[in-house]
Amino acid sequence: MKNKEIFNVFFREKPAMMLVELKNAKSEVYASSLAKQIDCTYSHVVKILQQMETSGLINFDKQGRLKLLTLTKKGSEIADNIDRIKNVL
């Protein structure tokens, strides 16, 4: 099995990669830009982000009409661990 395939066995790819992308972001991240980065529909990304917000992994910071995405401390720790596991595989 290839590394990516085994990673997907343990983690749902899109939500895991959303956290990793947020952790590695060099600039501000919005749901629309995140959807493009992980090759996913905007509506699917928003649905997952809402679940992550409820779980305390991310925050939505409203800036006018846009919502800036930021990781919480808990979300950052999980993203670090996901990234570490992905690199080991």
PDB file of N, CA and C in Angstrom:
ATOM      1  N   MET A   1       0.835  -1.185   0.000  1.00  0.00           N
ATOM      2  CA  MET A   1       0.000   0.000   0.000  1.00  0.00           C
ATOM      3  C   MET A   1       0.879   1.247   0.000  1.00  0.00           C
ATOM      4  N   LYS A   2       0.492   2.232  -0.781  1.00  0.00           N
ATOM      5  CA  LYS A   2       1.248   3.475  -0.829  1.00  0.00           C
ATOM      6  C   LYS A   2       1.003   4.287   0.440  1.00  0.00           C
ATOM      7  N   ASN A   3       1.935   5.209   0.731  1.00  0.00           N
ATOM      8  CA  ASN A   3       1.837   6.026   1.949  1.00  0.00           C
ATOM      9  C   ASN A   3       0.513   6.773   2.030  1.00  0.00           C
ATOM     10  N   LYS A   4       0.100   7.392   0.916  1.00  0.00           N
ATOM     11  CA  LYS A   4      -1.128   8.177   0.941  1.00  0.00           C
ATOM     12  C   LYS A   4      -2.330   7.275   1.212  1.00  0.00           C
ATOM     13  N   GLU A   5      -2.330   6.078   0.643  1.00  0.00           N
ATOM     14  CA  GLU A   5      -3.450   5.161   0.844  1.00  0.00           C
ATOM     15  C   GLU A   5      -3.558   4.724   2.300  1.00  0.00           C
ATOM     16  N   ILE A   6      -2.441   4.412   2.922  1.00  0.00           N
ATOM     17  CA  ILE A   6      -2.471   3.979   4.324  1.00  0.00           C
ATOM     18  C   ILE A   6      -2.855   5.142   5.230  1.00  0.00           C
ATOM     19  N   PHE A   7      -2.416   6.354   4.890  1.00  0.00           N
ATOM     20  CA  PHE A   7      -2.812   7.540   5.649  1.00  0.00           C
ATOM     21  C   PHE A   7      -4.329   7.686   5.614  1.00  0.00           C
ATOM     22  N   ASN A   8      -4.926   7.483   4.435  1.00  0.00           N
ATOM     23  CA  ASN A   8      -6.373   7.618   4.286  1.00  0.00           C
ATOM     24  C   ASN A   8      -7.141   6.522   5.006  1.00  0.00           C
ATOM     25  N   VAL A   9      -6.492   5.409   5.297  1.00  0.00           N
ATOM     26  CA  VAL A   9      -7.120   4.349   6.081  1.00  0.00           C
ATOM     27  C   VAL A   9      -7.355   4.847   7.509  1.00  0.00           C
ATOM     28  N   PHE A  10      -6.399   5.593   8.041  1.00  0.00           N
ATOM     29  CA  PHE A  10      -6.483   6.068   9.422  1.00  0.00           C
ATOM     30  C   PHE A  10      -7.245   7.381   9.567  1.00  0.00           C
ATOM     31  N   PHE A  11      -7.195   8.214   8.561  1.00  0.00           N
ATOM     32  CA  PHE A  11      -7.797   9.552   8.637  1.00  0.00           C
ATOM     33  C   PHE A  11      -8.636   9.821   7.400  1.00  0.00           C
ATOM     34  N   ARG A  12      -9.739  10.529   7.578  1.00  0.00           N
ATOM     35  CA  ARG A  12     -10.453  11.038   6.417  1.00  0.00           C
ATOM     36  C   ARG A  12      -9.574  12.133   5.830  1.00  0.00           C
ATOM     37  N   GLU A  13      -9.282  12.010   4.565  1.00  0.00           N
ATOM     38  CA  GLU A  13      -8.268  12.867   3.949  1.00  0.00           C
ATOM     39  C   GLU A  13      -8.598  14.358   4.013  1.00  0.00           C
ATOM     40  N   LYS A  14      -9.768  14.765   3.588  1.00  0.00           N
ATOM     41  CA  LYS A  14     -10.085  16.200   3.483  1.00  0.00           C
ATOM     42  C   LYS A  14     -10.058  16.915   4.837  1.00  0.00           C
ATOM     43  N   PRO A  15     -10.757  16.424   5.863  1.00  0.00           N
ATOM     44  CA  PRO A  15     -10.689  17.129   7.153  1.00  0.00           C
ATOM     45  C   PRO A  15      -9.276  17.179   7.732  1.00  0.00           C
ATOM     46  N   ALA A  16      -8.540  16.090   7.604  1.00  0.00           N
ATOM     47  CA  ALA A  16      -7.166  16.071   8.127  1.00  0.00           C
ATOM     48  C   ALA A  16      -6.313  17.098   7.395  1.00  0.00           C
ATOM     49  N   MET A  17      -6.444  17.149   6.066  1.00  0.00           N
ATOM     50  CA  MET A  17      -5.630  18.075   5.285  1.00  0.00           C
ATOM     51  C   MET A  17      -6.051  19.525   5.519  1.00  0.00           C
ATOM     52  N   MET A  18      -7.309  19.745   5.858  1.00  0.00           N
ATOM     53  CA  MET A  18      -7.751  21.105   6.176  1.00  0.00           C
ATOM     54  C   MET A  18      -6.997  21.623   7.393  1.00  0.00           C
ATOM     55  N   LEU A  19      -6.892  20.800   8.432  1.00  0.00           N
ATOM     56  CA  LEU A  19      -6.158  21.219   9.628  1.00  0.00           C
ATOM     57  C   LEU A  19      -4.688  21.458   9.321  1.00  0.00           C
ATOM     58  N   VAL A  20      -4.078  20.568   8.540  1.00  0.00           N
ATOM     59  CA  VAL A  20      -2.660  20.712   8.192  1.00  0.00           C
ATOM     60  C   VAL A  20      -2.447  21.970   7.350  1.00  0.00           C
ATOM     61  N   GLU A  21      -3.326  22.236   6.396  1.00  0.00           N
ATOM     62  CA  GLU A  21      -3.213  23.447   5.565  1.00  0.00           C
ATOM     63  C   GLU A  21      -3.338  24.704   6.426  1.00  0.00           C
ATOM     64  N   LEU A  22      -4.257  24.697   7.374  1.00  0.00           N
ATOM     65  CA  LEU A  22      -4.395  25.851   8.267  1.00  0.00           C
ATOM     66  C   LEU A  22      -3.139  26.048   9.109  1.00  0.00           C
ATOM     67  N   LYS A  23      -2.558  24.948   9.570  1.00  0.00           N
ATOM     68  CA  LYS A  23      -1.341  25.024  10.383  1.00  0.00           C
ATOM     69  C   LYS A  23      -0.174  25.584   9.574  1.00  0.00           C
ATOM     70  N   ASN A  24      -0.078  25.184   8.314  1.00  0.00           N
ATOM     71  CA  ASN A  24       1.059  25.575   7.477  1.00  0.00           C
ATOM     72  C   ASN A  24       0.832  26.866   6.688  1.00  0.00           C
ATOM     73  N   ALA A  25      -0.302  27.505   6.875  1.00  0.00           N
ATOM     74  CA  ALA A  25      -0.639  28.701   6.097  1.00  0.00           C
ATOM     75  C   ALA A  25       0.350  29.837   6.365  1.00  0.00           C
ATOM     76  N   LYS A  26       0.754  30.485   5.286  1.00  0.00           N
ATOM     77  CA  LYS A  26       1.678  31.625   5.385  1.00  0.00           C
ATOM     78  C   LYS A  26       0.922  32.947   5.443  1.00  0.00           C
ATOM     79  N   SER A  27      -0.355  32.926   5.060  1.00  0.00           N
ATOM     80  CA  SER A  27      -1.165  34.137   5.081  1.00  0.00           C
ATOM     81  C   SER A  27      -2.556  33.795   5.612  1.00  0.00           C
ATOM     82  N   GLU A  28      -3.449  34.764   5.563  1.00  0.00           N
ATOM     83  CA  GLU A  28      -4.804  34.548   6.062  1.00  0.00           C
ATOM     84  C   GLU A  28      -5.516  33.497   5.214  1.00  0.00           C
ATOM     85  N   VAL A  29      -6.340  32.680   5.858  1.00  0.00           N
ATOM     86  CA  VAL A  29      -7.045  31.602   5.155  1.00  0.00           C
ATOM     87  C   VAL A  29      -8.550  31.792   5.353  1.00  0.00           C
ATOM     88  N   TYR A  30      -9.265  31.669   4.250  1.00  0.00           N
ATOM     89  CA  TYR A  30     -10.723  31.725   4.250  1.00  0.00           C
ATOM     90  C   TYR A  30     -11.247  30.399   3.724  1.00  0.00           C
ATOM     91  N   ALA A  31     -12.502  30.093   3.971  1.00  0.00           N
ATOM     92  CA  ALA A  31     -13.083  28.821   3.544  1.00  0.00           C
ATOM     93  C   ALA A  31     -12.938  28.618   2.036  1.00  0.00           C
ATOM     94  N   SER A  32     -13.147  29.669   1.260  1.00  0.00           N
ATOM     95  CA  SER A  32     -13.068  29.529  -0.201  1.00  0.00           C
ATOM     96  C   SER A  32     -11.649  29.184  -0.650  1.00  0.00           C
ATOM     97  N   SER A  33     -10.647  29.815  -0.044  1.00  0.00           N
ATOM     98  CA  SER A  33      -9.261  29.513  -0.428  1.00  0.00           C
ATOM     99  C   SER A  33      -8.856  28.117   0.057  1.00  0.00           C
ATOM    100  N   LEU A  34      -9.355  27.715   1.212  1.00  0.00           N
ATOM    101  CA  LEU A  34      -9.067  26.385   1.731  1.00  0.00           C
ATOM    102  C   LEU A  34      -9.678  25.307   0.821  1.00  0.00           C
ATOM    103  N   ALA A  35     -10.881  25.558   0.323  1.00  0.00           N
ATOM    104  CA  ALA A  35     -11.544  24.615  -0.587  1.00  0.00           C
ATOM    105  C   ALA A  35     -10.700  24.403  -1.839  1.00  0.00           C
ATOM    106  N   LYS A  36     -10.127  25.468  -2.362  1.00  0.00           N
ATOM    107  CA  LYS A  36      -9.276  25.350  -3.550  1.00  0.00           C
ATOM    108  C   LYS A  36      -7.990  24.591  -3.241  1.00  0.00           C
ATOM    109  N   GLN A  37      -7.396  24.855  -2.082  1.00  0.00           N
ATOM    110  CA  GLN A  37      -6.131  24.221  -1.709  1.00  0.00           C
ATOM    111  C   GLN A  37      -6.262  22.712  -1.568  1.00  0.00           C
ATOM    112  N   ILE A  38      -7.378  22.255  -1.042  1.00  0.00           N
ATOM    113  CA  ILE A  38      -7.530  20.811  -0.825  1.00  0.00           C
ATOM    114  C   ILE A  38      -8.417  20.151  -1.885  1.00  0.00           C
ATOM    115  N   ASP A  39      -8.787  20.910  -2.912  1.00  0.00           N
ATOM    116  CA  ASP A  39      -9.584  20.394  -4.030  1.00  0.00           C
ATOM    117  C   ASP A  39     -10.896  19.791  -3.536  1.00  0.00           C
ATOM    118  N   CYS A  40     -11.707  20.656  -2.944  1.00  0.00           N
ATOM    119  CA  CYS A  40     -12.967  20.237  -2.343  1.00  0.00           C
ATOM    120  C   CYS A  40     -14.008  21.330  -2.607  1.00  0.00           C
ATOM    121  N   THR A  41     -15.279  20.975  -2.556  1.00  0.00           N
ATOM    122  CA  THR A  41     -16.301  21.994  -2.770  1.00  0.00           C
ATOM    123  C   THR A  41     -16.393  22.918  -1.558  1.00  0.00           C
ATOM    124  N   TYR A  42     -16.798  24.147  -1.821  1.00  0.00           N
ATOM    125  CA  TYR A  42     -16.926  25.139  -0.760  1.00  0.00           C
ATOM    126  C   TYR A  42     -17.932  24.671   0.294  1.00  0.00           C
ATOM    127  N   SER A  43     -19.073  24.141  -0.140  1.00  0.00           N
ATOM    128  CA  SER A  43     -20.108  23.732   0.818  1.00  0.00           C
ATOM    129  C   SER A  43     -19.628  22.588   1.715  1.00  0.00           C
ATOM    130  N   HIS A  44     -18.853  21.657   1.157  1.00  0.00           N
ATOM    131  CA  HIS A  44     -18.318  20.558   1.962  1.00  0.00           C
ATOM    132  C   HIS A  44     -17.320  21.092   2.993  1.00  0.00           C
ATOM    133  N   VAL A  45     -16.471  22.022   2.571  1.00  0.00           N
ATOM    134  CA  VAL A  45     -15.485  22.623   3.476  1.00  0.00           C
ATOM    135  C   VAL A  45     -16.185  23.345   4.619  1.00  0.00           C
ATOM    136  N   VAL A  46     -17.202  24.124   4.310  1.00  0.00           N
ATOM    137  CA  VAL A  46     -17.922  24.874   5.350  1.00  0.00           C
ATOM    138  C   VAL A  46     -18.583  23.921   6.347  1.00  0.00           C
ATOM    139  N   LYS A  47     -19.161  22.829   5.857  1.00  0.00           N
ATOM    140  CA  LYS A  47     -19.799  21.847   6.738  1.00  0.00           C
ATOM    141  C   LYS A  47     -18.776  21.251   7.708  1.00  0.00           C
ATOM    142  N   ILE A  48     -17.610  20.876   7.190  1.00  0.00           N
ATOM    143  CA  ILE A  48     -16.558  20.304   8.036  1.00  0.00           C
ATOM    144  C   ILE A  48     -16.035  21.351   9.016  1.00  0.00           C
ATOM    145  N   LEU A  49     -15.850  22.586   8.531  1.00  0.00           N
ATOM    146  CA  LEU A  49     -15.348  23.662   9.397  1.00  0.00           C
ATOM    147  C   LEU A  49     -16.312  23.948  10.544  1.00  0.00           C
ATOM    148  N   GLN A  50     -17.602  23.882  10.285  1.00  0.00           N
ATOM    149  CA  GLN A  50     -18.589  24.106  11.349  1.00  0.00           C
ATOM    150  C   GLN A  50     -18.479  23.023  12.423  1.00  0.00           C
ATOM    151  N   GLN A  51     -18.248  21.783  11.999  1.00  0.00           N
ATOM    152  CA  GLN A  51     -18.065  20.698  12.963  1.00  0.00           C
ATOM    153  C   GLN A  51     -16.779  20.907  13.754  1.00  0.00           C
ATOM    154  N   MET A  52     -15.729  21.364  13.078  1.00  0.00           N
ATOM    155  CA  MET A  52     -14.453  21.622  13.760  1.00  0.00           C
ATOM    156  C   MET A  52     -14.588  22.773  14.752  1.00  0.00           C
ATOM    157  N   GLU A  53     -15.373  23.783  14.404  1.00  0.00           N
ATOM    158  CA  GLU A  53     -15.585  24.902  15.324  1.00  0.00           C
ATOM    159  C   GLU A  53     -16.336  24.430  16.571  1.00  0.00           C
ATOM    160  N   THR A  54     -17.343  23.603  16.371  1.00  0.00           N
ATOM    161  CA  THR A  54     -18.116  23.050  17.494  1.00  0.00           C
ATOM    162  C   THR A  54     -17.217  22.223  18.413  1.00  0.00           C
ATOM    163  N   SER A  55     -16.239  21.540  17.818  1.00  0.00           N
ATOM    164  CA  SER A  55     -15.308  20.707  18.588  1.00  0.00           C
ATOM    165  C   SER A  55     -14.157  21.500  19.194  1.00  0.00           C
ATOM    166  N   GLY A  56     -14.106  22.793  18.921  1.00  0.00           N
ATOM    167  CA  GLY A  56     -13.064  23.630  19.506  1.00  0.00           C
ATOM    168  C   GLY A  56     -11.720  23.547  18.792  1.00  0.00           C
ATOM    169  N   LEU A  57     -11.730  23.178  17.503  1.00  0.00           N
ATOM    170  CA  LEU A  57     -10.472  23.056  16.758  1.00  0.00           C
ATOM    171  C   LEU A  57     -10.115  24.309  15.978  1.00  0.00           C
ATOM    172  N   ILE A  58     -11.126  25.069  15.553  1.00  0.00           N
ATOM    173  CA  ILE A  58     -10.880  26.297  14.794  1.00  0.00           C
ATOM    174  C   ILE A  58     -11.775  27.412  15.299  1.00  0.00           C
ATOM    175  N   ASN A  59     -11.424  28.629  14.902  1.00  0.00           N
ATOM    176  CA  ASN A  59     -12.257  29.804  15.161  1.00  0.00           C
ATOM    177  C   ASN A  59     -12.552  30.487  13.849  1.00  0.00           C
ATOM    178  N   PHE A  60     -13.758  31.037  13.728  1.00  0.00           N
ATOM    179  CA  PHE A  60     -14.105  31.916  12.618  1.00  0.00           C
ATOM    180  C   PHE A  60     -13.987  33.335  13.145  1.00  0.00           C
ATOM    181  N   ASP A  61     -13.151  34.145  12.528  1.00  0.00           N
ATOM    182  CA  ASP A  61     -13.022  35.551  12.904  1.00  0.00           C
ATOM    183  C   ASP A  61     -13.602  36.391  11.775  1.00  0.00           C
ATOM    184  N   LYS A  62     -14.790  36.950  12.021  1.00  0.00           N
ATOM    185  CA  LYS A  62     -15.494  37.688  10.985  1.00  0.00           C
ATOM    186  C   LYS A  62     -14.793  39.014  10.699  1.00  0.00           C
ATOM    187  N   GLN A  63     -14.481  39.237   9.413  1.00  0.00           N
ATOM    188  CA  GLN A  63     -13.878  40.484   8.952  1.00  0.00           C
ATOM    189  C   GLN A  63     -14.725  41.004   7.801  1.00  0.00           C
ATOM    190  N   GLY A  64     -15.685  41.848   8.133  1.00  0.00           N
ATOM    191  CA  GLY A  64     -16.618  42.306   7.111  1.00  0.00           C
ATOM    192  C   GLY A  64     -17.478  41.139   6.658  1.00  0.00           C
ATOM    193  N   ARG A  65     -17.464  40.885   5.349  1.00  0.00           N
ATOM    194  CA  ARG A  65     -18.250  39.765   4.813  1.00  0.00           C
ATOM    195  C   ARG A  65     -17.486  38.451   4.863  1.00  0.00           C
ATOM    196  N   LEU A  66     -16.195  38.505   5.116  1.00  0.00           N
ATOM    197  CA  LEU A  66     -15.357  37.316   5.108  1.00  0.00           C
ATOM    198  C   LEU A  66     -15.137  36.772   6.518  1.00  0.00           C
ATOM    199  N   LYS A  67     -14.922  35.470   6.601  1.00  0.00           N
ATOM    200  CA  LYS A  67     -14.610  34.832   7.883  1.00  0.00           C
ATOM    201  C   LYS A  67     -13.208  34.247   7.788  1.00  0.00           C
ATOM    202  N   LEU A  68     -12.302  34.819   8.553  1.00  0.00           N
ATOM    203  CA  LEU A  68     -10.928  34.340   8.621  1.00  0.00           C
ATOM    204  C   LEU A  68     -10.887  33.096   9.505  1.00  0.00           C
ATOM    205  N   LEU A  69     -10.141  32.082   9.065  1.00  0.00           N
ATOM    206  CA  LEU A  69     -10.034  30.836   9.820  1.00  0.00           C
ATOM    207  C   LEU A  69      -8.737  30.804  10.613  1.00  0.00           C
ATOM    208  N   THR A  70      -8.823  30.443  11.873  1.00  0.00           N
ATOM    209  CA  THR A  70      -7.625  30.272  12.692  1.00  0.00           C
ATOM    210  C   THR A  70      -7.778  29.005  13.517  1.00  0.00           C
ATOM    211  N   LEU A  71      -6.658  28.359  13.767  1.00  0.00           N
ATOM    212  CA  LEU A  71      -6.649  27.166  14.607  1.00  0.00           C
ATOM    213  C   LEU A  71      -6.634  27.566  16.074  1.00  0.00           C
ATOM    214  N   THR A  72      -7.320  26.809  16.885  1.00  0.00           N
ATOM    215  CA  THR A  72      -7.209  26.976  18.329  1.00  0.00           C
ATOM    216  C   THR A  72      -5.945  26.215  18.761  1.00  0.00           C
ATOM    217  N   LYS A  73      -5.601  26.312  20.038  1.00  0.00           N
ATOM    218  CA  LYS A  73      -4.442  25.571  20.547  1.00  0.00           C
ATOM    219  C   LYS A  73      -4.652  24.069  20.338  1.00  0.00           C
ATOM    220  N   LYS A  74      -5.849  23.592  20.653  1.00  0.00           N
ATOM    221  CA  LYS A  74      -6.186  22.180  20.473  1.00  0.00           C
ATOM    222  C   LYS A  74      -6.099  21.782  18.997  1.00  0.00           C
ATOM    223  N   GLY A  75      -6.622  22.616  18.111  1.00  0.00           N
ATOM    224  CA  GLY A  75      -6.574  22.348  16.675  1.00  0.00           C
ATOM    225  C   GLY A  75      -5.157  22.309  16.147  1.00  0.00           C
ATOM    226  N   SER A  76      -4.320  23.196  16.661  1.00  0.00           N
ATOM    227  CA  SER A  76      -2.921  23.246  16.246  1.00  0.00           C
ATOM    228  C   SER A  76      -2.172  21.991  16.683  1.00  0.00           C
ATOM    229  N   GLU A  77      -2.434  21.534  17.899  1.00  0.00           N
ATOM    230  CA  GLU A  77      -1.797  20.309  18.399  1.00  0.00           C
ATOM    231  C   GLU A  77      -2.208  19.097  17.555  1.00  0.00           C
ATOM    232  N   ILE A  78      -3.475  19.019  17.218  1.00  0.00           N
ATOM    233  CA  ILE A  78      -3.956  17.902  16.399  1.00  0.00           C
ATOM    234  C   ILE A  78      -3.347  17.971  15.000  1.00  0.00           C
ATOM    235  N   ALA A  79      -3.285  19.170  14.424  1.00  0.00           N
ATOM    236  CA  ALA A  79      -2.690  19.337  13.099  1.00  0.00           C
ATOM    237  C   ALA A  79      -1.219  18.931  13.109  1.00  0.00           C
ATOM    238  N   ASP A  80      -0.497  19.293  14.165  1.00  0.00           N
ATOM    239  CA  ASP A  80       0.917  18.890  14.294  1.00  0.00           C
ATOM    240  C   ASP A  80       1.047  17.372  14.300  1.00  0.00           C
ATOM    241  N   ASN A  81       0.182  16.717  15.061  1.00  0.00           N
ATOM    242  CA  ASN A  81       0.234  15.261  15.150  1.00  0.00           C
ATOM    243  C   ASN A  81      -0.139  14.589  13.828  1.00  0.00           C
ATOM    244  N   ILE A  82      -1.141  15.104  13.147  1.00  0.00           N
ATOM    245  CA  ILE A  82      -1.535  14.562  11.845  1.00  0.00           C
ATOM    246  C   ILE A  82      -0.380  14.704  10.861  1.00  0.00           C
ATOM    247  N   ASP A  83       0.242  15.883  10.849  1.00  0.00           N
ATOM    248  CA  ASP A  83       1.370  16.128   9.943  1.00  0.00           C
ATOM    249  C   ASP A  83       2.526  15.187  10.259  1.00  0.00           C
ATOM    250  N   ARG A  84       2.801  14.984  11.536  1.00  0.00           N
ATOM    251  CA  ARG A  84       3.886  14.086  11.960  1.00  0.00           C
ATOM    252  C   ARG A  84       3.613  12.646  11.509  1.00  0.00           C
ATOM    253  N   ILE A  85       2.380  12.189  11.706  1.00  0.00           N
ATOM    254  CA  ILE A  85       2.009  10.824  11.298  1.00  0.00           C
ATOM    255  C   ILE A  85       2.096  10.687   9.789  1.00  0.00           C
ATOM    256  N   LYS A  86       1.622  11.682   9.081  1.00  0.00           N
ATOM    257  CA  LYS A  86       1.669  11.641   7.604  1.00  0.00           C
ATOM    258  C   LYS A  86       3.110  11.518   7.130  1.00  0.00           C
ATOM    259  N   ASN A  87       4.019  12.236   7.763  1.00  0.00           N
ATOM    260  CA  ASN A  87       5.434  12.198   7.364  1.00  0.00           C
ATOM    261  C   ASN A  87       6.096  10.859   7.703  1.00  0.00           C
ATOM    262  N   VAL A  88       5.643  10.220   8.775  1.00  0.00           N
ATOM    263  CA  VAL A  88       6.193   8.905   9.155  1.00  0.00           C
ATOM    264  C   VAL A  88       5.744   7.840   8.152  1.00  0.00           C
ATOM    265  N   LEU A  89       4.492   7.952   7.693  1.00  0.00           N
ATOM    266  CA  LEU A  89       3.967   6.966   6.748  1.00  0.00           C
ATOM    267  C   LEU A  89       4.620   7.153   5.401  1.00  0.00           C
TER     268      LEU A  89
END
